[in-house]
């Protein structure tokens, strides 16, 4: 499934909160598939969140979402694109 969204917030280094939930999901949060950023209470969490924010132009870049699956919290596991950039790959290149 593929979707486009323009209204979202950056929750942490691997999770976004959508203004509108994706069809079939009760949770408005989506998680970047195969990206493992530090939890908000861990060292480096703010830096990792800033990296994602910079990639997404501080939440202003329209995103394309490809759903890969779902996690135990009913979040969509996704591959995210901002313009033509694969955000998941970019975050992994930074070590997340």
Protein backbone atom coordinates (compact mmCIF):
# COMPACT_ATOMS: atom_id res chain seq x y z
CA UNK A 1 0.00 0.00 0.00
CA UNK A 2 1.26 3.47 -0.84
CA UNK A 3 0.05 6.78 0.59
CA UNK A 4 1.00 10.45 0.48
CA UNK A 5 0.80 12.79 3.45
CA UNK A 6 1.70 16.40 4.07
CA UNK A 7 0.59 16.81 7.69
CA UNK A 8 2.72 14.97 10.20
CA UNK A 9 4.97 15.51 13.18
CA UNK A 10 8.36 14.03 13.99
CA UNK A 11 8.01 12.02 17.20
CA UNK A 12 11.57 10.68 17.48
CA UNK A 13 14.38 9.41 15.26
CA UNK A 14 12.40 6.54 13.75
CA UNK A 15 8.73 7.47 14.31
CA UNK A 16 6.33 10.04 12.84
CA UNK A 17 2.83 10.94 13.95
CA UNK A 18 0.37 11.44 11.10
CA UNK A 19 -2.46 13.97 11.26
CA UNK A 20 -4.72 11.31 9.67
CA UNK A 21 -4.24 7.61 10.36
CA UNK A 22 -3.52 5.26 7.50
CA UNK A 23 -6.47 3.07 6.46
CA UNK A 24 -6.49 -0.18 8.42
CA UNK A 25 -4.40 1.20 11.31
CA UNK A 26 -5.81 2.45 14.62
CA UNK A 27 -2.50 4.07 15.59
CA UNK A 28 -1.54 7.43 14.01
CA UNK A 29 2.18 6.70 14.53
CA UNK A 30 4.30 5.18 11.75
CA UNK A 31 7.74 3.68 12.26
CA UNK A 32 10.57 3.64 9.74
CA UNK A 33 11.29 0.04 8.80
CA UNK A 34 14.84 -1.17 9.59
CA UNK A 35 15.82 2.10 11.28
CA UNK A 36 16.85 1.80 14.93
CA UNK A 37 17.33 5.19 16.54
CA UNK A 38 17.92 5.69 20.26
CA UNK A 39 14.88 5.94 22.54
CA UNK A 40 14.01 9.45 23.72
CA UNK A 41 15.67 8.85 27.12
CA UNK A 42 18.89 7.43 25.64
CA UNK A 43 22.11 9.27 24.79
CA UNK A 44 22.07 10.67 21.25
CA UNK A 45 18.28 10.69 20.91
CA UNK A 46 18.00 14.43 20.23
CA UNK A 47 20.77 14.33 17.64
CA UNK A 48 19.08 11.43 15.84
CA UNK A 49 15.72 13.21 15.89
CA UNK A 50 17.38 16.34 14.43
CA UNK A 51 18.88 14.20 11.64
CA UNK A 52 15.41 12.95 10.68
CA UNK A 53 13.97 16.45 11.00
CA UNK A 54 16.66 17.84 8.70
CA UNK A 55 16.00 15.13 6.11
CA UNK A 56 12.30 16.00 6.17
CA UNK A 57 12.93 19.76 6.04
CA UNK A 58 11.57 20.19 9.57
CA UNK A 59 8.32 18.42 8.68
CA UNK A 60 7.64 20.52 5.57
CA UNK A 61 8.53 17.91 2.95
CA UNK A 62 5.51 16.03 1.57
CA UNK A 63 6.11 12.32 2.19
CA UNK A 64 5.30 9.15 0.30
CA UNK A 65 4.67 6.14 2.50
CA UNK A 66 5.00 2.49 1.51
CA UNK A 67 3.62 0.17 4.18
CA UNK A 68 5.84 -2.87 4.82
CA UNK A 69 3.90 -4.35 7.75
CA UNK A 70 2.82 -3.60 11.29
CA UNK A 71 4.50 -3.82 14.68
CA UNK A 72 3.19 -5.01 18.06
CA UNK A 73 1.92 -1.49 18.86
CA UNK A 74 -0.21 -1.46 15.66
CA UNK A 75 2.09 1.10 14.03
CA UNK A 76 2.62 0.84 10.32
CA UNK A 77 6.20 -0.17 9.46
CA UNK A 78 7.05 1.95 6.45
CA UNK A 79 9.56 2.99 3.86
CA UNK A 80 9.43 6.75 3.64
CA UNK A 81 10.31 9.03 0.74
CA UNK A 82 10.77 12.79 0.80
CA UNK A 83 10.87 14.00 -2.79
CA UNK A 84 13.05 11.28 -4.38
CA UNK A 85 15.11 10.50 -1.29
CA UNK A 86 14.65 7.21 0.56
CA UNK A 87 14.58 8.47 4.16
CA UNK A 88 15.11 4.99 5.65
CA UNK A 89 18.33 4.54 3.67
CA UNK A 90 19.52 8.02 4.59
CA UNK A 91 18.96 7.37 8.32
CA UNK A 92 20.78 4.01 8.06
CA UNK A 93 23.70 5.77 6.38
CA UNK A 94 23.95 7.90 9.54
CA UNK A 95 24.21 4.71 11.59
CA UNK A 96 20.62 4.26 12.74
